[in-house]
N, C-alpha and C. Protein backbone atom coordinates (compact mmCIF):
# COMPACT_ATOMS: atom_id res chain seq x y z
N UNK A 1 22.98 -1.10 5.03
CA UNK A 1 22.98 0.26 5.54
C UNK A 1 21.97 0.40 6.67
N UNK A 2 22.26 1.32 7.53
CA UNK A 2 21.35 1.59 8.64
C UNK A 2 20.07 2.24 8.12
N UNK A 3 18.97 1.85 8.72
CA UNK A 3 17.65 2.41 8.38
C UNK A 3 17.13 1.97 7.02
N UNK A 4 17.62 0.85 6.47
CA UNK A 4 17.04 0.30 5.25
C UNK A 4 15.68 -0.28 5.58
N UNK A 5 14.79 -0.25 4.61
CA UNK A 5 13.45 -0.82 4.77
C UNK A 5 13.25 -1.89 3.71
N UNK A 6 12.63 -2.99 4.11
CA UNK A 6 12.29 -4.07 3.21
C UNK A 6 10.80 -4.32 3.32
N UNK A 7 10.16 -4.62 2.18
CA UNK A 7 8.73 -4.86 2.17
C UNK A 7 8.42 -6.15 1.42
N UNK A 8 7.49 -6.90 1.97
CA UNK A 8 6.91 -8.05 1.28
C UNK A 8 5.41 -7.84 1.31
N UNK A 9 4.74 -8.23 0.23
CA UNK A 9 3.30 -7.97 0.16
C UNK A 9 2.63 -8.93 -0.80
N UNK A 10 1.36 -9.16 -0.55
CA UNK A 10 0.55 -9.95 -1.47
C UNK A 10 0.08 -9.03 -2.60
N UNK A 11 -0.59 -9.60 -3.58
CA UNK A 11 -1.06 -8.81 -4.71
C UNK A 11 -2.42 -8.15 -4.47
N UNK A 12 -2.98 -8.32 -3.28
CA UNK A 12 -4.31 -7.78 -3.00
C UNK A 12 -4.40 -6.27 -3.09
N UNK A 13 -3.38 -5.57 -2.64
CA UNK A 13 -3.38 -4.11 -2.67
C UNK A 13 -3.29 -3.62 -4.11
N UNK A 14 -2.33 -4.14 -4.87
CA UNK A 14 -2.11 -3.64 -6.23
C UNK A 14 -3.21 -4.05 -7.21
N UNK A 15 -3.92 -5.12 -6.92
CA UNK A 15 -5.00 -5.58 -7.80
C UNK A 15 -6.37 -5.01 -7.45
N UNK A 16 -6.44 -4.17 -6.41
CA UNK A 16 -7.72 -3.61 -5.99
C UNK A 16 -8.23 -2.58 -6.99
N UNK A 17 -9.48 -2.73 -7.38
CA UNK A 17 -10.12 -1.75 -8.26
C UNK A 17 -10.61 -0.57 -7.43
N UNK A 18 -10.50 0.62 -8.01
CA UNK A 18 -10.97 1.82 -7.32
C UNK A 18 -10.64 3.05 -8.12
N UNK A 19 -10.64 4.17 -7.43
CA UNK A 19 -10.38 5.44 -8.09
C UNK A 19 -11.56 5.88 -8.93
N UNK A 20 -11.39 7.01 -9.60
CA UNK A 20 -12.48 7.58 -10.39
C UNK A 20 -12.92 6.67 -11.53
N UNK A 21 -11.97 5.94 -12.13
CA UNK A 21 -12.28 5.11 -13.30
C UNK A 21 -12.34 3.63 -12.99
N UNK A 22 -12.40 3.31 -11.70
CA UNK A 22 -12.48 1.91 -11.24
C UNK A 22 -11.42 1.03 -11.90
N UNK A 23 -10.16 1.46 -11.78
CA UNK A 23 -9.04 0.71 -12.32
C UNK A 23 -8.22 0.13 -11.18
N UNK A 24 -7.32 -0.80 -11.51
CA UNK A 24 -6.46 -1.40 -10.50
C UNK A 24 -5.47 -0.36 -9.97
N UNK A 25 -5.06 -0.53 -8.71
CA UNK A 25 -4.09 0.37 -8.10
C UNK A 25 -2.74 0.27 -8.82
N UNK A 26 -2.34 -0.91 -9.18
CA UNK A 26 -1.13 -1.21 -9.94
C UNK A 26 0.15 -1.12 -9.12
N UNK A 27 1.14 -1.88 -9.54
CA UNK A 27 2.40 -1.99 -8.80
C UNK A 27 3.22 -0.70 -8.82
N UNK A 28 3.18 0.07 -9.90
CA UNK A 28 3.94 1.32 -9.95
C UNK A 28 3.42 2.31 -8.92
N UNK A 29 2.10 2.41 -8.77
CA UNK A 29 1.53 3.30 -7.75
C UNK A 29 1.89 2.82 -6.35
N UNK A 30 1.89 1.50 -6.16
CA UNK A 30 2.23 0.96 -4.85
C UNK A 30 3.70 1.23 -4.52
N UNK A 31 4.57 1.07 -5.50
CA UNK A 31 5.99 1.37 -5.29
C UNK A 31 6.18 2.84 -4.91
N UNK A 32 5.51 3.73 -5.61
CA UNK A 32 5.60 5.16 -5.30
C UNK A 32 5.10 5.43 -3.88
N UNK A 33 4.02 4.76 -3.50
CA UNK A 33 3.48 4.93 -2.15
C UNK A 33 4.48 4.47 -1.10
N UNK A 34 5.07 3.29 -1.30
CA UNK A 34 6.06 2.79 -0.34
C UNK A 34 7.27 3.71 -0.25
N UNK A 35 7.73 4.21 -1.37
CA UNK A 35 8.87 5.13 -1.36
C UNK A 35 8.53 6.43 -0.64
N UNK A 36 7.28 6.85 -0.72
CA UNK A 36 6.88 8.10 -0.08
C UNK A 36 6.77 7.98 1.44
N UNK A 37 6.61 6.76 1.95
CA UNK A 37 6.44 6.58 3.40
C UNK A 37 7.63 5.92 4.08
N UNK A 38 8.63 5.51 3.33
CA UNK A 38 9.71 4.70 3.89
C UNK A 38 10.49 5.37 5.02
N UNK A 39 10.51 6.67 5.07
CA UNK A 39 11.24 7.38 6.12
C UNK A 39 10.42 7.53 7.40
N UNK A 40 9.12 7.25 7.33
CA UNK A 40 8.23 7.39 8.49
C UNK A 40 8.38 6.17 9.40
N UNK A 41 7.87 6.30 10.61
CA UNK A 41 7.81 5.16 11.51
C UNK A 41 6.81 4.13 10.99
N UNK A 42 6.90 2.91 11.47
CA UNK A 42 6.05 1.83 10.97
C UNK A 42 4.57 2.08 11.25
N UNK A 43 4.23 2.64 12.40
CA UNK A 43 2.81 2.94 12.68
C UNK A 43 2.27 3.95 11.69
N UNK A 44 3.04 4.96 11.40
CA UNK A 44 2.63 5.99 10.45
C UNK A 44 2.50 5.40 9.04
N UNK A 45 3.43 4.51 8.69
CA UNK A 45 3.35 3.85 7.38
C UNK A 45 2.06 3.05 7.27
N UNK A 46 1.75 2.29 8.31
CA UNK A 46 0.53 1.48 8.30
C UNK A 46 -0.70 2.36 8.13
N UNK A 47 -0.75 3.45 8.88
CA UNK A 47 -1.90 4.36 8.78
C UNK A 47 -2.03 4.93 7.38
N UNK A 48 -0.92 5.35 6.79
CA UNK A 48 -0.96 5.91 5.44
C UNK A 48 -1.40 4.86 4.42
N UNK A 49 -0.87 3.64 4.55
CA UNK A 49 -1.26 2.58 3.62
C UNK A 49 -2.75 2.25 3.75
N UNK A 50 -3.26 2.19 4.97
CA UNK A 50 -4.68 1.90 5.18
C UNK A 50 -5.56 3.02 4.64
N UNK A 51 -5.20 4.26 4.93
CA UNK A 51 -6.00 5.40 4.45
C UNK A 51 -5.99 5.48 2.93
N UNK A 52 -4.82 5.28 2.33
CA UNK A 52 -4.73 5.32 0.87
C UNK A 52 -5.56 4.22 0.24
N UNK A 53 -5.50 3.02 0.82
CA UNK A 53 -6.28 1.91 0.29
C UNK A 53 -7.77 2.21 0.39
N UNK A 54 -8.22 2.67 1.54
CA UNK A 54 -9.64 2.96 1.74
C UNK A 54 -10.12 4.05 0.79
N UNK A 55 -9.31 5.08 0.60
CA UNK A 55 -9.68 6.15 -0.33
C UNK A 55 -9.73 5.62 -1.76
N UNK A 56 -8.77 4.80 -2.15
CA UNK A 56 -8.74 4.24 -3.50
C UNK A 56 -9.94 3.32 -3.73
N UNK A 57 -10.19 2.44 -2.77
CA UNK A 57 -11.28 1.46 -2.92
C UNK A 57 -12.62 2.14 -2.99
N UNK A 58 -12.80 3.18 -2.18
CA UNK A 58 -14.08 3.88 -2.16
C UNK A 58 -15.21 2.93 -1.82
N UNK A 59 -16.31 2.98 -2.56
CA UNK A 59 -17.46 2.13 -2.26
C UNK A 59 -17.34 0.71 -2.81
N UNK A 60 -16.25 0.42 -3.51
CA UNK A 60 -16.10 -0.88 -4.14
C UNK A 60 -15.69 -1.94 -3.11
N UNK A 61 -16.09 -3.16 -3.37
CA UNK A 61 -15.79 -4.27 -2.48
C UNK A 61 -14.30 -4.61 -2.53
N UNK A 62 -13.74 -4.99 -1.37
CA UNK A 62 -12.36 -5.48 -1.36
C UNK A 62 -12.35 -6.85 -2.01
N UNK A 63 -11.47 -7.05 -2.98
CA UNK A 63 -11.50 -8.25 -3.80
C UNK A 63 -10.65 -9.40 -3.28
N UNK A 64 -9.62 -9.09 -2.52
CA UNK A 64 -8.65 -10.11 -2.15
C UNK A 64 -8.09 -9.80 -0.77
N UNK A 65 -7.42 -10.80 -0.21
CA UNK A 65 -6.73 -10.55 1.06
C UNK A 65 -5.54 -9.63 0.80
N UNK A 66 -5.16 -8.89 1.83
CA UNK A 66 -4.06 -7.94 1.70
C UNK A 66 -3.12 -8.12 2.89
N UNK A 67 -1.86 -8.29 2.57
CA UNK A 67 -0.84 -8.27 3.61
C UNK A 67 0.34 -7.45 3.10
N UNK A 68 0.82 -6.58 3.96
CA UNK A 68 2.02 -5.80 3.69
C UNK A 68 2.90 -5.94 4.93
N UNK A 69 4.10 -6.45 4.74
CA UNK A 69 5.04 -6.62 5.84
C UNK A 69 6.22 -5.70 5.59
N UNK A 70 6.45 -4.78 6.50
CA UNK A 70 7.58 -3.87 6.39
C UNK A 70 8.57 -4.12 7.51
N UNK A 71 9.84 -4.15 7.16
CA UNK A 71 10.90 -4.37 8.14
C UNK A 71 11.93 -3.26 7.97
N UNK A 72 12.25 -2.59 9.05
CA UNK A 72 13.27 -1.54 9.03
C UNK A 72 14.47 -2.04 9.83
N UNK A 73 15.64 -2.03 9.19
CA UNK A 73 16.86 -2.51 9.86
C UNK A 73 17.85 -1.39 10.08
């Protein structure tokens, strides 16, 4: 279908500790985040993903490398 989006990503985003209780972001939260931005342009998606990650991580150290690859066809 036109305007389908595909994503590939490492586990660095979902395994990041943060939030009020210093818990992992988890795959369900990441899926919800991707679904919430899929209609936006890729630049906007990147900005939202970066801002969400930074807010979640807060003062905690980034634990792993992070890659998110989005493709819109």
